[in-house]
Protein backbone atom coordinates (compact mmCIF):
# COMPACT_ATOMS: atom_id res chain seq x y z
CA MET A 1 9.79 -37.45 -42.67
CA GLN A 2 12.43 -39.41 -45.36
CA SER A 3 15.28 -41.17 -44.00
CA ASP A 4 18.13 -41.58 -45.82
CA LYS A 5 18.44 -44.87 -44.39
CA ASN A 6 19.04 -47.79 -46.43
CA GLN A 7 16.34 -50.37 -45.09
CA PHE A 8 17.92 -54.32 -44.63
CA SER A 9 15.08 -55.73 -46.99
CA SER A 10 16.16 -53.02 -49.99
CA ILE A 11 20.01 -53.65 -49.61
CA LEU A 12 18.98 -57.91 -50.07
CA GLY A 13 19.66 -58.76 -53.75
CA LYS A 14 21.57 -55.74 -55.23
CA MET A 15 24.21 -56.32 -57.32
CA ILE A 16 27.93 -55.64 -55.94
CA VAL A 17 30.16 -54.11 -58.34
CA THR A 18 33.74 -52.58 -57.62
CA LYS A 19 33.93 -48.78 -58.07
CA GLU A 20 35.47 -49.76 -61.31
CA GLY A 21 31.99 -51.24 -62.87
CA LYS A 22 33.47 -55.25 -61.55
CA ARG A 23 30.62 -57.40 -61.10
CA LEU A 24 31.32 -59.07 -57.71
CA GLY A 25 28.01 -61.23 -56.94
CA PHE A 26 24.79 -60.11 -55.43
CA VAL A 27 23.95 -59.63 -52.20
CA LYS A 28 22.68 -62.42 -50.05
CA ASP A 29 22.48 -61.35 -46.68
CA ILE A 30 24.57 -59.43 -43.77
CA LEU A 31 25.91 -59.75 -40.78
CA PHE A 32 26.39 -57.30 -37.61
CA GLU A 33 27.30 -57.42 -34.39
CA THR A 34 24.32 -57.88 -32.27
CA LYS A 35 25.44 -56.05 -29.00
CA SER A 36 26.15 -52.35 -30.88
CA GLY A 37 24.08 -53.00 -34.02
CA GLU A 38 27.73 -53.06 -36.13
CA LEU A 39 27.17 -54.17 -39.59
CA ILE A 40 30.03 -56.14 -40.13
CA ASN A 41 30.27 -57.96 -43.51
CA LEU A 42 28.09 -58.85 -46.30
CA VAL A 43 27.35 -62.08 -47.24
CA VAL A 44 27.86 -62.51 -51.36
CA LYS A 45 25.51 -64.67 -53.52
CA GLU A 46 26.30 -66.42 -57.11
CA ALA A 47 29.92 -64.84 -56.61
CA THR A 48 31.51 -64.37 -59.51
CA MET A 49 34.77 -65.83 -60.73
CA TYR A 50 36.56 -62.90 -60.37
CA THR A 51 35.05 -62.58 -57.09
CA LYS A 52 36.20 -66.16 -56.40
CA ASN A 53 39.73 -65.09 -56.95
CA LEU A 54 39.83 -62.46 -54.35
CA ASN A 55 41.16 -63.80 -51.55
CA LEU A 56 38.03 -62.91 -49.24
CA GLU A 57 36.95 -64.12 -45.80
CA LYS A 58 34.99 -67.35 -46.08
CA MET A 59 31.85 -68.11 -43.65
CA ASP A 60 31.35 -71.91 -42.78
CA SER A 61 29.47 -72.47 -45.42
CA ASN A 62 31.88 -71.11 -48.03
CA GLU A 63 30.00 -68.12 -48.62
CA LEU A 64 32.33 -65.44 -49.63
CA LEU A 65 32.00 -62.06 -47.10
CA ILE A 66 32.56 -58.75 -48.17
CA PRO A 67 34.06 -56.06 -45.70
CA TYR A 68 31.24 -53.43 -45.11
CA SER A 69 33.95 -51.00 -44.40
CA ALA A 70 34.81 -51.63 -48.22
CA ILE A 71 31.18 -50.11 -48.83
CA ILE A 72 31.07 -46.50 -51.02
CA ALA A 73 27.43 -46.03 -51.77
CA ILE A 74 24.36 -48.03 -51.77
CA GLY A 75 21.74 -47.44 -54.78
CA ASP A 76 20.76 -49.34 -57.76
CA PHE A 77 24.02 -51.58 -57.06
CA VAL A 78 26.33 -51.28 -53.95
CA ILE A 79 29.24 -50.20 -54.79
CA VAL A 80 32.65 -51.43 -52.66
CA SER A 81 36.36 -50.02 -52.70
CA GLU A 82 38.39 -52.80 -54.40
CA GLU A 83 41.38 -51.94 -52.39
CA ASP A 84 39.26 -52.23 -49.23
CA LEU A 85 38.63 -55.89 -50.20
CA ILE A 86 42.65 -56.57 -50.49
């Protein structure tokens, strides 16, 4: 039986783009709530200049975070809604 769920490792390294096609960077890691398992944020690596100009939350290490709620789809790319980032 094949599952429709994405495995954690299959998301790492995927390019993150907006639904308008603007590149934001790549998935470095995923942050989640340990008690509930709820996914909270994607950690961005190799953030583009466009991404750096967005008002995104940052980790202590200055890495940018994209809220998991902004994700529209995951396939060859992780597609996010730019409206949900602002």
